[in-house]
Amino acid sequence: MSSGTVAKPPATSSATVAEFDDSRFDCSIDDDLTDEDIQRAYKEMYSKWKKLQETKLHLENTQKSLRMLNSDTAKLDHIRSIGKSSRDHHGLGYTGESSSSKTVFVRGTVRYDF
């Protein structure tokens, strides 16, 4: 890996608190930091930031799914509470098949095959 590239974070989206624990680093002011130390710390910090962003996105998607599930559950509970059957769509915003053409009846004929 060249010094200008940054390591890619793992593809998983769930993180633990231990992954973000930085207590193992001693950051005393008297230490002389080398460019390699700074580069390594930056790569690790960037990797943790990317992991945090992926975890945040996963959380947002999970929360969205949960909100949709709760909304649908509330609608179904309402339908059940008013005693409607699952096939009765009237009164729920269902207008049926709306056809603009007029129905035309045609007289039938008897046909004999000889």
PDB file of N, CA and C in Angstrom:
ATOM      1  N   MET A   1       0.859  -1.164   0.000  1.00  0.00           N
ATOM      2  CA  MET A   1       0.000   0.000   0.000  1.00  0.00           C
ATOM      3  C   MET A   1       0.903   1.224   0.000  1.00  0.00           C
ATOM      4  N   SER A   2       0.653   2.183  -0.877  1.00  0.00           N
ATOM      5  CA  SER A   2       1.475   3.385  -0.937  1.00  0.00           C
ATOM      6  C   SER A   2       1.076   4.347   0.163  1.00  0.00           C
ATOM      7  N   SER A   3       1.939   5.326   0.450  1.00  0.00           N
ATOM      8  CA  SER A   3       1.673   6.246   1.557  1.00  0.00           C
ATOM      9  C   SER A   3       0.516   7.186   1.268  1.00  0.00           C
ATOM     10  N   GLY A   4       0.078   7.321   0.017  1.00  0.00           N
ATOM     11  CA  GLY A   4      -1.024   8.221  -0.326  1.00  0.00           C
ATOM     12  C   GLY A   4      -2.384   7.556  -0.322  1.00  0.00           C
ATOM     13  N   THR A   5      -2.440   6.236  -0.176  1.00  0.00           N
ATOM     14  CA  THR A   5      -3.727   5.548  -0.200  1.00  0.00           C
ATOM     15  C   THR A   5      -4.219   5.284   1.207  1.00  0.00           C
ATOM     16  N   VAL A   6      -5.528   5.135   1.313  1.00  0.00           N
ATOM     17  CA  VAL A   6      -6.160   4.881   2.601  1.00  0.00           C
ATOM     18  C   VAL A   6      -6.794   3.505   2.552  1.00  0.00           C
ATOM     19  N   ALA A   7      -6.626   2.749   3.613  1.00  0.00           N
ATOM     20  CA  ALA A   7      -7.176   1.395   3.669  1.00  0.00           C
ATOM     21  C   ALA A   7      -8.693   1.443   3.666  1.00  0.00           C
ATOM     22  N   LYS A   8      -9.313   0.507   2.941  1.00  0.00           N
ATOM     23  CA  LYS A   8     -10.773   0.411   2.911  1.00  0.00           C
ATOM     24  C   LYS A   8     -11.257  -0.267   4.181  1.00  0.00           C
ATOM     25  N   PRO A   9     -12.389   0.213   4.734  1.00  0.00           N
ATOM     26  CA  PRO A   9     -12.939  -0.428   5.928  1.00  0.00           C
ATOM     27  C   PRO A   9     -13.601  -1.744   5.569  1.00  0.00           C
ATOM     28  N   PRO A  10     -13.839  -2.600   6.550  1.00  0.00           N
ATOM     29  CA  PRO A  10     -14.536  -3.855   6.262  1.00  0.00           C
ATOM     30  C   PRO A  10     -15.953  -3.595   5.783  1.00  0.00           C
ATOM     31  N   ALA A  11     -16.533  -4.556   5.056  1.00  0.00           N
ATOM     32  CA  ALA A  11     -17.844  -4.368   4.423  1.00  0.00           C
ATOM     33  C   ALA A  11     -19.011  -4.535   5.381  1.00  0.00           C
ATOM     34  N   THR A  12     -18.776  -5.029   6.575  1.00  0.00           N
ATOM     35  CA  THR A  12     -19.893  -5.228   7.499  1.00  0.00           C
ATOM     36  C   THR A  12     -20.397  -3.894   8.018  1.00  0.00           C
ATOM     37  N   SER A  13     -21.675  -3.854   8.410  1.00  0.00           N
ATOM     38  CA  SER A  13     -22.259  -2.589   8.831  1.00  0.00           C
ATOM     39  C   SER A  13     -22.579  -2.538  10.313  1.00  0.00           C
ATOM     40  N   SER A  14     -22.292  -3.573  11.055  1.00  0.00           N
ATOM     41  CA  SER A  14     -22.558  -3.527  12.487  1.00  0.00           C
ATOM     42  C   SER A  14     -21.230  -3.371  13.214  1.00  0.00           C
ATOM     43  N   ALA A  15     -21.192  -2.439  14.157  1.00  0.00           N
ATOM     44  CA  ALA A  15     -19.966  -2.159  14.883  1.00  0.00           C
ATOM     45  C   ALA A  15     -20.216  -2.309  16.372  1.00  0.00           C
ATOM     46  N   THR A  16     -19.154  -2.564  17.096  1.00  0.00           N
ATOM     47  CA  THR A  16     -19.263  -2.650  18.543  1.00  0.00           C
ATOM     48  C   THR A  16     -18.507  -1.484  19.162  1.00  0.00           C
ATOM     49  N   VAL A  17     -18.799  -1.210  20.422  1.00  0.00           N
ATOM     50  CA  VAL A  17     -18.138  -0.114  21.119  1.00  0.00           C
ATOM     51  C   VAL A  17     -16.642  -0.373  21.203  1.00  0.00           C
ATOM     52  N   ALA A  18     -16.248  -1.617  21.345  1.00  0.00           N
ATOM     53  CA  ALA A  18     -14.832  -1.956  21.454  1.00  0.00           C
ATOM     54  C   ALA A  18     -14.051  -1.550  20.211  1.00  0.00           C
ATOM     55  N   GLU A  19     -14.702  -1.539  19.055  1.00  0.00           N
ATOM     56  CA  GLU A  19     -14.016  -1.152  17.829  1.00  0.00           C
ATOM     57  C   GLU A  19     -13.653   0.323  17.822  1.00  0.00           C
ATOM     58  N   PHE A  20     -14.340   1.124  18.617  1.00  0.00           N
ATOM     59  CA  PHE A  20     -14.085   2.558  18.639  1.00  0.00           C
ATOM     60  C   PHE A  20     -13.325   2.981  19.898  1.00  0.00           C
ATOM     61  N   ASP A  21     -12.810   2.033  20.650  1.00  0.00           N
ATOM     62  CA  ASP A  21     -12.077   2.322  21.876  1.00  0.00           C
ATOM     63  C   ASP A  21     -10.654   2.731  21.520  1.00  0.00           C
ATOM     64  N   ASP A  22     -10.269   3.937  21.907  1.00  0.00           N
ATOM     65  CA  ASP A  22      -8.931   4.413  21.593  1.00  0.00           C
ATOM     66  C   ASP A  22      -8.082   4.590  22.847  1.00  0.00           C
ATOM     67  N   SER A  23      -8.472   3.955  23.948  1.00  0.00           N
ATOM     68  CA  SER A  23      -7.727   4.094  25.195  1.00  0.00           C
ATOM     69  C   SER A  23      -6.362   3.414  25.130  1.00  0.00           C
ATOM     70  N   ARG A  24      -6.138   2.578  24.142  1.00  0.00           N
ATOM     71  CA  ARG A  24      -4.854   1.885  24.035  1.00  0.00           C
ATOM     72  C   ARG A  24      -3.751   2.791  23.500  1.00  0.00           C
ATOM     73  N   PHE A  25      -4.096   3.979  23.004  1.00  0.00           N
ATOM     74  CA  PHE A  25      -3.109   4.908  22.479  1.00  0.00           C
ATOM     75  C   PHE A  25      -2.646   5.861  23.574  1.00  0.00           C
ATOM     76  N   ASP A  26      -1.351   6.030  23.689  1.00  0.00           N
ATOM     77  CA  ASP A  26      -0.789   6.976  24.649  1.00  0.00           C
ATOM     78  C   ASP A  26      -0.461   8.253  23.892  1.00  0.00           C
ATOM     79  N   CYS A  27      -1.151   9.311  24.209  1.00  0.00           N
ATOM     80  CA  CYS A  27      -1.009  10.564  23.470  1.00  0.00           C
ATOM     81  C   CYS A  27      -0.367  11.634  24.350  1.00  0.00           C
ATOM     82  N   SER A  28       0.785  11.349  24.912  1.00  0.00           N
ATOM     83  CA  SER A  28       1.450  12.361  25.723  1.00  0.00           C
ATOM     84  C   SER A  28       2.119  13.385  24.819  1.00  0.00           C
ATOM     85  N   ILE A  29       2.213  14.604  25.288  1.00  0.00           N
ATOM     86  CA  ILE A  29       2.711  15.722  24.484  1.00  0.00           C
ATOM     87  C   ILE A  29       4.204  15.600  24.216  1.00  0.00           C
ATOM     88  N   ASP A  30       4.932  14.953  25.088  1.00  0.00           N
ATOM     89  CA  ASP A  30       6.386  14.886  24.953  1.00  0.00           C
ATOM     90  C   ASP A  30       6.839  13.913  23.870  1.00  0.00           C
ATOM     91  N   ASP A  31       5.940  13.095  23.352  1.00  0.00           N
ATOM     92  CA  ASP A  31       6.321  12.117  22.332  1.00  0.00           C
ATOM     93  C   ASP A  31       6.643  12.814  21.017  1.00  0.00           C
ATOM     94  N   ASP A  32       7.651  12.293  20.340  1.00  0.00           N
ATOM     95  CA  ASP A  32       7.970  12.769  18.998  1.00  0.00           C
ATOM     96  C   ASP A  32       7.241  11.866  18.021  1.00  0.00           C
ATOM     97  N   LEU A  33       6.342  12.435  17.261  1.00  0.00           N
ATOM     98  CA  LEU A  33       5.569  11.656  16.295  1.00  0.00           C
ATOM     99  C   LEU A  33       6.283  11.665  14.956  1.00  0.00           C
ATOM    100  N   THR A  34       6.373  10.493  14.379  1.00  0.00           N
ATOM    101  CA  THR A  34       6.956  10.399  13.050  1.00  0.00           C
ATOM    102  C   THR A  34       5.842  10.493  12.020  1.00  0.00           C
ATOM    103  N   ASP A  35       6.225  10.720  10.794  1.00  0.00           N
ATOM    104  CA  ASP A  35       5.237  10.771   9.712  1.00  0.00           C
ATOM    105  C   ASP A  35       4.497   9.444   9.592  1.00  0.00           C
ATOM    106  N   GLU A  36       5.214   8.346   9.839  1.00  0.00           N
ATOM    107  CA  GLU A  36       4.579   7.031   9.765  1.00  0.00           C
ATOM    108  C   GLU A  36       3.521   6.879  10.859  1.00  0.00           C
ATOM    109  N   ASP A  37       3.822   7.364  12.066  1.00  0.00           N
ATOM    110  CA  ASP A  37       2.845   7.293  13.161  1.00  0.00           C
ATOM    111  C   ASP A  37       1.590   8.097  12.827  1.00  0.00           C
ATOM    112  N   ILE A  38       1.795   9.277  12.281  1.00  0.00           N
ATOM    113  CA  ILE A  38       0.662  10.139  11.922  1.00  0.00           C
ATOM    114  C   ILE A  38      -0.156   9.498  10.812  1.00  0.00           C
ATOM    115  N   GLN A  39       0.530   8.950   9.798  1.00  0.00           N
ATOM    116  CA  GLN A  39      -0.157   8.300   8.681  1.00  0.00           C
ATOM    117  C   GLN A  39      -0.962   7.097   9.171  1.00  0.00           C
ATOM    118  N   ARG A  40      -0.370   6.288  10.043  1.00  0.00           N
ATOM    119  CA  ARG A  40      -1.056   5.118  10.583  1.00  0.00           C
ATOM    120  C   ARG A  40      -2.281   5.540  11.411  1.00  0.00           C
ATOM    121  N   ALA A  41      -2.117   6.567  12.233  1.00  0.00           N
ATOM    122  CA  ALA A  41      -3.235   7.047  13.051  1.00  0.00           C
ATOM    123  C   ALA A  41      -4.345   7.608  12.170  1.00  0.00           C
ATOM    124  N   TYR A  42      -3.964   8.314  11.103  1.00  0.00           N
ATOM    125  CA  TYR A  42      -4.970   8.863  10.189  1.00  0.00           C
ATOM    126  C   TYR A  42      -5.738   7.739   9.497  1.00  0.00           C
ATOM    127  N   LYS A  43      -5.033   6.729   9.031  1.00  0.00           N
ATOM    128  CA  LYS A  43      -5.696   5.608   8.356  1.00  0.00           C
ATOM    129  C   LYS A  43      -6.672   4.906   9.293  1.00  0.00           C
ATOM    130  N   GLU A  44      -6.255   4.714  10.539  1.00  0.00           N
ATOM    131  CA  GLU A  44      -7.136   4.050  11.500  1.00  0.00           C
ATOM    132  C   GLU A  44      -8.346   4.927  11.821  1.00  0.00           C
ATOM    133  N   MET A  45      -8.114   6.231  11.965  1.00  0.00           N
ATOM    134  CA  MET A  45      -9.213   7.153  12.247  1.00  0.00           C
ATOM    135  C   MET A  45     -10.197   7.176  11.073  1.00  0.00           C
ATOM    136  N   TYR A  46      -9.674   7.206   9.853  1.00  0.00           N
ATOM    137  CA  TYR A  46     -10.537   7.210   8.671  1.00  0.00           C
ATOM    138  C   TYR A  46     -11.334   5.910   8.578  1.00  0.00           C
ATOM    139  N   SER A  47     -10.692   4.800   8.873  1.00  0.00           N
ATOM    140  CA  SER A  47     -11.372   3.505   8.841  1.00  0.00           C
ATOM    141  C   SER A  47     -12.513   3.471   9.854  1.00  0.00           C
ATOM    142  N   LYS A  48     -12.267   3.992  11.053  1.00  0.00           N
ATOM    143  CA  LYS A  48     -13.321   4.034  12.074  1.00  0.00           C
ATOM    144  C   LYS A  48     -14.449   4.971  11.654  1.00  0.00           C
ATOM    145  N   TRP A  49     -14.099   6.084  11.016  1.00  0.00           N
ATOM    146  CA  TRP A  49     -15.124   7.031  10.551  1.00  0.00           C
ATOM    147  C   TRP A  49     -16.007   6.378   9.490  1.00  0.00           C
ATOM    148  N   LYS A  50     -15.392   5.666   8.533  1.00  0.00           N
ATOM    149  CA  LYS A  50     -16.162   4.976   7.490  1.00  0.00           C
ATOM    150  C   LYS A  50     -17.074   3.920   8.106  1.00  0.00           C
ATOM    151  N   LYS A  51     -16.561   3.176   9.072  1.00  0.00           N
ATOM    152  CA  LYS A  51     -17.356   2.151   9.750  1.00  0.00           C
ATOM    153  C   LYS A  51     -18.535   2.795  10.471  1.00  0.00           C
ATOM    154  N   LEU A  52     -18.301   3.935  11.100  1.00  0.00           N
ATOM    155  CA  LEU A  52     -19.361   4.661  11.793  1.00  0.00           C
ATOM    156  C   LEU A  52     -20.428   5.138  10.810  1.00  0.00           C
ATOM    157  N   GLN A  53     -20.018   5.618   9.639  1.00  0.00           N
ATOM    158  CA  GLN A  53     -20.975   6.061   8.627  1.00  0.00           C
ATOM    159  C   GLN A  53     -21.822   4.896   8.118  1.00  0.00           C
ATOM    160  N   GLU A  54     -21.197   3.749   7.892  1.00  0.00           N
ATOM    161  CA  GLU A  54     -21.936   2.566   7.439  1.00  0.00           C
ATOM    162  C   GLU A  54     -22.934   2.106   8.504  1.00  0.00           C
ATOM    163  N   THR A  55     -22.508   2.140   9.759  1.00  0.00           N
ATOM    164  CA  THR A  55     -23.384   1.737  10.858  1.00  0.00           C
ATOM    165  C   THR A  55     -24.550   2.704  10.990  1.00  0.00           C
ATOM    166  N   LYS A  56     -24.279   3.988  10.821  1.00  0.00           N
ATOM    167  CA  LYS A  56     -25.338   5.007  10.887  1.00  0.00           C
ATOM    168  C   LYS A  56     -26.357   4.790   9.767  1.00  0.00           C
ATOM    169  N   LEU A  57     -25.885   4.509   8.555  1.00  0.00           N
ATOM    170  CA  LEU A  57     -26.782   4.250   7.428  1.00  0.00           C
ATOM    171  C   LEU A  57     -27.630   3.007   7.687  1.00  0.00           C
ATOM    172  N   HIS A  58     -27.020   1.972   8.224  1.00  0.00           N
ATOM    173  CA  HIS A  58     -27.749   0.743   8.555  1.00  0.00           C
ATOM    174  C   HIS A  58     -28.833   1.033   9.596  1.00  0.00           C
ATOM    175  N   LEU A  59     -28.509   1.841  10.598  1.00  0.00           N
ATOM    176  CA  LEU A  59     -29.475   2.211  11.631  1.00  0.00           C
ATOM    177  C   LEU A  59     -30.632   3.001  11.029  1.00  0.00           C
ATOM    178  N   GLU A  60     -30.332   3.963  10.152  1.00  0.00           N
ATOM    179  CA  GLU A  60     -31.387   4.761   9.527  1.00  0.00           C
ATOM    180  C   GLU A  60     -32.314   3.891   8.685  1.00  0.00           C
ATOM    181  N   ASN A  61     -31.757   2.942   7.940  1.00  0.00           N
ATOM    182  CA  ASN A  61     -32.583   2.042   7.127  1.00  0.00           C
ATOM    183  C   ASN A  61     -33.453   1.144   8.004  1.00  0.00           C
ATOM    184  N   THR A  62     -32.901   0.677   9.102  1.00  0.00           N
ATOM    185  CA  THR A  62     -33.672  -0.153  10.026  1.00  0.00           C
ATOM    186  C   THR A  62     -34.808   0.647  10.652  1.00  0.00           C
ATOM    187  N   GLN A  63     -34.525   1.894  11.039  1.00  0.00           N
ATOM    188  CA  GLN A  63     -35.564   2.745  11.625  1.00  0.00           C
ATOM    189  C   GLN A  63     -36.665   3.038  10.609  1.00  0.00           C
ATOM    190  N   LYS A  64     -36.295   3.257   9.348  1.00  0.00           N
ATOM    191  CA  LYS A  64     -37.291   3.512   8.301  1.00  0.00           C
ATOM    192  C   LYS A  64     -38.190   2.288   8.121  1.00  0.00           C
ATOM    193  N   SER A  65     -37.588   1.111   8.074  1.00  0.00           N
ATOM    194  CA  SER A  65     -38.376  -0.120   7.931  1.00  0.00           C
ATOM    195  C   SER A  65     -39.313  -0.309   9.113  1.00  0.00           C
ATOM    196  N   LEU A  66     -38.842   0.000  10.296  1.00  0.00           N
ATOM    197  CA  LEU A  66     -39.665  -0.135  11.498  1.00  0.00           C
ATOM    198  C   LEU A  66     -40.836   0.841  11.477  1.00  0.00           C
ATOM    199  N   ARG A  67     -40.602   2.083  11.032  1.00  0.00           N
ATOM    200  CA  ARG A  67     -41.696   3.057  10.930  1.00  0.00           C
ATOM    201  C   ARG A  67     -42.747   2.589   9.933  1.00  0.00           C
ATOM    202  N   MET A  68     -42.315   2.044   8.791  1.00  0.00           N
ATOM    203  CA  MET A  68     -43.262   1.555   7.790  1.00  0.00           C
ATOM    204  C   MET A  68     -44.054   0.374   8.339  1.00  0.00           C
ATOM    205  N   LEU A  69     -43.398  -0.514   9.041  1.00  0.00           N
ATOM    206  CA  LEU A  69     -44.068  -1.671   9.627  1.00  0.00           C
ATOM    207  C   LEU A  69     -45.095  -1.230  10.659  1.00  0.00           C
ATOM    208  N   ASN A  70     -44.733  -0.272  11.505  1.00  0.00           N
ATOM    209  CA  ASN A  70     -45.671   0.233  12.511  1.00  0.00           C
ATOM    210  C   ASN A  70     -46.869   0.904  11.862  1.00  0.00           C
ATOM    211  N   SER A  71     -46.647   1.650  10.783  1.00  0.00           N
ATOM    212  CA  SER A  71     -47.737   2.325  10.079  1.00  0.00           C
ATOM    213  C   SER A  71     -48.706   1.304   9.483  1.00  0.00           C
ATOM    214  N   ASP A  72     -48.159   0.287   8.825  1.00  0.00           N
ATOM    215  CA  ASP A  72     -49.009  -0.744   8.228  1.00  0.00           C
ATOM    216  C   ASP A  72     -49.770  -1.521   9.296  1.00  0.00           C
ATOM    217  N   THR A  73     -49.134  -1.785  10.416  1.00  0.00           N
ATOM    218  CA  THR A  73     -49.794  -2.493  11.510  1.00  0.00           C
ATOM    219  C   THR A  73     -50.959  -1.681  12.047  1.00  0.00           C
ATOM    220  N   ALA A  74     -50.767  -0.371  12.182  1.00  0.00           N
ATOM    221  CA  ALA A  74     -51.844   0.497  12.678  1.00  0.00           C
ATOM    222  C   ALA A  74     -53.022   0.498  11.709  1.00  0.00           C
ATOM    223  N   LYS A  75     -52.738   0.518  10.410  1.00  0.00           N
ATOM    224  CA  LYS A  75     -53.814   0.491   9.411  1.00  0.00           C
ATOM    225  C   LYS A  75     -54.584  -0.827   9.485  1.00  0.00           C
ATOM    226  N   LEU A  76     -53.871  -1.925   9.595  1.00  0.00           N
ATOM    227  CA  LEU A  76     -54.536  -3.227   9.683  1.00  0.00           C
ATOM    228  C   LEU A  76     -55.344  -3.354  10.969  1.00  0.00           C
ATOM    229  N   ASP A  77     -54.823  -2.831  12.062  1.00  0.00           N
ATOM    230  CA  ASP A  77     -55.574  -2.856  13.324  1.00  0.00           C
ATOM    231  C   ASP A  77     -56.864  -2.056  13.202  1.00  0.00           C
ATOM    232  N   HIS A  78     -56.812  -0.921  12.497  1.00  0.00           N
ATOM    233  CA  HIS A  78     -58.012  -0.103  12.304  1.00  0.00           C
ATOM    234  C   HIS A  78     -59.052  -0.863  11.478  1.00  0.00           C
ATOM    235  N   ILE A  79     -58.622  -1.488  10.403  1.00  0.00           N
ATOM    236  CA  ILE A  79     -59.541  -2.255   9.553  1.00  0.00           C
ATOM    237  C   ILE A  79     -60.181  -3.380  10.363  1.00  0.00           C
ATOM    238  N   ARG A  80     -59.370  -4.066  11.146  1.00  0.00           N
ATOM    239  CA  ARG A  80     -59.893  -5.164  11.961  1.00  0.00           C
ATOM    240  C   ARG A  80     -60.858  -4.654  13.029  1.00  0.00           C
ATOM    241  N   SER A  81     -60.585  -3.480  13.590  1.00  0.00           N
ATOM    242  CA  SER A  81     -61.434  -2.962  14.667  1.00  0.00           C
ATOM    243  C   SER A  81     -62.809  -2.532  14.175  1.00  0.00           C
ATOM    244  N   ILE A  82     -62.923  -2.152  12.885  1.00  0.00           N
ATOM    245  CA  ILE A  82     -64.237  -1.756  12.375  1.00  0.00           C
ATOM    246  C   ILE A  82     -64.983  -2.933  11.772  1.00  0.00           C
ATOM    247  N   GLY A  83     -64.405  -4.114  11.815  1.00  0.00           N
ATOM    248  CA  GLY A  83     -65.093  -5.335  11.419  1.00  0.00           C
ATOM    249  C   GLY A  83     -65.161  -5.570   9.924  1.00  0.00           C
ATOM    250  N   LYS A  84     -64.254  -5.037   9.170  1.00  0.00           N
ATOM    251  CA  LYS A  84     -64.264  -5.268   7.721  1.00  0.00           C
ATOM    252  C   LYS A  84     -63.559  -6.580   7.395  1.00  0.00           C
ATOM    253  N   SER A  85     -64.067  -7.236   6.362  1.00  0.00           N
ATOM    254  CA  SER A  85     -63.391  -8.448   5.911  1.00  0.00           C
ATOM    255  C   SER A  85     -62.209  -8.034   5.040  1.00  0.00           C
ATOM    256  N   SER A  86     -61.332  -8.965   4.783  1.00  0.00           N
ATOM    257  CA  SER A  86     -60.143  -8.640   3.993  1.00  0.00           C
ATOM    258  C   SER A  86     -60.474  -8.363   2.531  1.00  0.00           C
ATOM    259  N   ARG A  87     -61.652  -8.798   2.064  1.00  0.00           N
ATOM    260  CA  ARG A  87     -62.036  -8.580   0.667  1.00  0.00           C
ATOM    261  C   ARG A  87     -62.893  -7.335   0.470  1.00  0.00           C
ATOM    262  N   ASP A  88     -63.367  -6.736   1.542  1.00  0.00           N
ATOM    263  CA  ASP A  88     -64.218  -5.550   1.453  1.00  0.00           C
ATOM    264  C   ASP A  88     -63.337  -4.309   1.445  1.00  0.00           C
ATOM    265  N   HIS A  89     -63.157  -3.719   0.259  1.00  0.00           N
ATOM    266  CA  HIS A  89     -62.275  -2.565   0.109  1.00  0.00           C
ATOM    267  C   HIS A  89     -63.019  -1.243   0.140  1.00  0.00           C
ATOM    268  N   HIS A  90     -64.332  -1.262   0.131  1.00  0.00           N
ATOM    269  CA  HIS A  90     -65.103  -0.024   0.079  1.00  0.00           C
ATOM    270  C   HIS A  90     -64.989   0.726   1.399  1.00  0.00           C
ATOM    271  N   GLY A  91     -64.890   2.032   1.296  1.00  0.00           N
ATOM    272  CA  GLY A  91     -64.746   2.867   2.473  1.00  0.00           C
ATOM    273  C   GLY A  91     -63.304   3.048   2.901  1.00  0.00           C
ATOM    274  N   LEU A  92     -62.390   2.461   2.169  1.00  0.00           N
ATOM    275  CA  LEU A  92     -60.968   2.583   2.483  1.00  0.00           C
ATOM    276  C   LEU A  92     -60.229   3.366   1.402  1.00  0.00           C
ATOM    277  N   GLY A  93     -60.993   4.085   0.582  1.00  0.00           N
ATOM    278  CA  GLY A  93     -60.380   4.822  -0.514  1.00  0.00           C
ATOM    279  C   GLY A  93     -60.395   4.061  -1.823  1.00  0.00           C
ATOM    280  N   TYR A  94     -60.947   2.859  -1.820  1.00  0.00           N
ATOM    281  CA  TYR A  94     -61.022   2.044  -3.028  1.00  0.00           C
ATOM    282  C   TYR A  94     -62.256   2.458  -3.809  1.00  0.00           C
ATOM    283  N   THR A  95     -62.090   2.801  -5.080  1.00  0.00           N
ATOM    284  CA  THR A  95     -63.217   3.252  -5.897  1.00  0.00           C
ATOM    285  C   THR A  95     -63.696   2.182  -6.856  1.00  0.00           C
ATOM    286  N   GLY A  96     -63.095   1.049  -6.872  1.00  0.00           N
ATOM    287  CA  GLY A  96     -63.503  -0.008  -7.793  1.00  0.00           C
ATOM    288  C   GLY A  96     -62.946   0.257  -9.177  1.00  0.00           C
ATOM    289  N   GLU A  97     -63.360  -0.557 -10.114  1.00  0.00           N
ATOM    290  CA  GLU A  97     -62.918  -0.358 -11.484  1.00  0.00           C
ATOM    291  C   GLU A  97     -63.716   0.779 -12.080  1.00  0.00           C
ATOM    292  N   SER A  98     -63.036   1.847 -12.383  1.00  0.00           N
ATOM    293  CA  SER A  98     -63.740   2.976 -12.987  1.00  0.00           C
ATOM    294  C   SER A  98     -63.608   2.871 -14.502  1.00  0.00           C
ATOM    295  N   SER A  99     -64.731   2.631 -15.146  1.00  0.00           N
ATOM    296  CA  SER A  99     -64.762   2.484 -16.594  1.00  0.00           C
ATOM    297  C   SER A  99     -65.550   3.641 -17.180  1.00  0.00           C
ATOM    298  N   SER A 100     -64.970   4.297 -18.165  1.00  0.00           N
ATOM    299  CA  SER A 100     -65.650   5.444 -18.767  1.00  0.00           C
ATOM    300  C   SER A 100     -66.522   5.034 -19.958  1.00  0.00           C
ATOM    301  N   SER A 101     -66.375   3.807 -20.445  1.00  0.00           N
ATOM    302  CA  SER A 101     -67.173   3.397 -21.601  1.00  0.00           C
ATOM    303  C   SER A 101     -68.514   2.821 -21.138  1.00  0.00           C
ATOM    304  N   LYS A 102     -69.528   3.019 -21.972  1.00  0.00           N
ATOM    305  CA  LYS A 102     -70.863   2.528 -21.666  1.00  0.00           C
ATOM    306  C   LYS A 102     -70.948   1.055 -22.066  1.00  0.00           C
ATOM    307  N   THR A 103     -71.621   0.265 -21.247  1.00  0.00           N
ATOM    308  CA  THR A 103     -71.789  -1.150 -21.534  1.00  0.00           C
ATOM    309  C   THR A 103     -72.843  -1.318 -22.622  1.00  0.00           C
ATOM    310  N   VAL A 104     -72.514  -2.074 -23.663  1.00  0.00           N
ATOM    311  CA  VAL A 104     -73.430  -2.319 -24.774  1.00  0.00           C
ATOM    312  C   VAL A 104     -73.723  -3.810 -24.814  1.00  0.00           C
ATOM    313  N   PHE A 105     -75.025  -4.156 -24.771  1.00  0.00           N
ATOM    314  CA  PHE A 105     -75.431  -5.550 -24.842  1.00  0.00           C
ATOM    315  C   PHE A 105     -75.739  -5.904 -26.286  1.00  0.00           C
ATOM    316  N   VAL A 106     -75.333  -7.088 -26.715  1.00  0.00           N
ATOM    317  CA  VAL A 106     -75.556  -7.556 -28.081  1.00  0.00           C
ATOM    318  C   VAL A 106     -76.476  -8.766 -28.016  1.00  0.00           C
ATOM    319  N   ARG A 107     -77.476  -8.773 -28.899  1.00  0.00           N
ATOM    320  CA  ARG A 107     -78.427  -9.871 -28.931  1.00  0.00           C
ATOM    321  C   ARG A 107     -77.724 -11.119 -29.439  1.00  0.00           C
ATOM    322  N   GLY A 108     -77.971 -12.206 -28.750  1.00  0.00           N
ATOM    323  CA  GLY A 108     -77.376 -13.467 -29.138  1.00  0.00           C
ATOM    324  C   GLY A 108     -78.157 -14.122 -30.267  1.00  0.00           C
ATOM    325  N   THR A 109     -77.505 -14.926 -31.060  1.00  0.00           N
ATOM    326  CA  THR A 109     -78.165 -15.656 -32.141  1.00  0.00           C
ATOM    327  C   THR A 109     -77.908 -17.138 -31.939  1.00  0.00           C
ATOM    328  N   VAL A 110     -78.820 -17.926 -32.459  1.00  0.00           N
ATOM    329  CA  VAL A 110     -78.677 -19.368 -32.387  1.00  0.00           C
ATOM    330  C   VAL A 110     -78.011 -19.804 -33.676  1.00  0.00           C
ATOM    331  N   ARG A 111     -77.034 -20.654 -33.562  1.00  0.00           N
ATOM    332  CA  ARG A 111     -76.296 -21.074 -34.733  1.00  0.00           C
ATOM    333  C   ARG A 111     -76.422 -22.590 -34.848  1.00  0.00           C
ATOM    334  N   TYR A 112     -76.781 -23.056 -36.048  1.00  0.00           N
ATOM    335  CA  TYR A 112     -76.938 -24.488 -36.291  1.00  0.00           C
ATOM    336  C   TYR A 112     -75.852 -24.945 -37.246  1.00  0.00           C
ATOM    337  N   ASP A 113     -75.167 -25.980 -36.888  1.00  0.00           N
ATOM    338  CA  ASP A 113     -74.162 -26.578 -37.773  1.00  0.00           C
ATOM    339  C   ASP A 113     -74.734 -27.863 -38.363  1.00  0.00           C
ATOM    340  N   PHE A 114     -74.790 -27.933 -39.694  1.00  0.00           N
ATOM    341  CA  PHE A 114     -75.300 -29.130 -40.369  1.00  0.00           C
ATOM    342  C   PHE A 114     -74.223 -29.885 -41.026  1.00  0.00           C
TER     343      PHE A 114
END
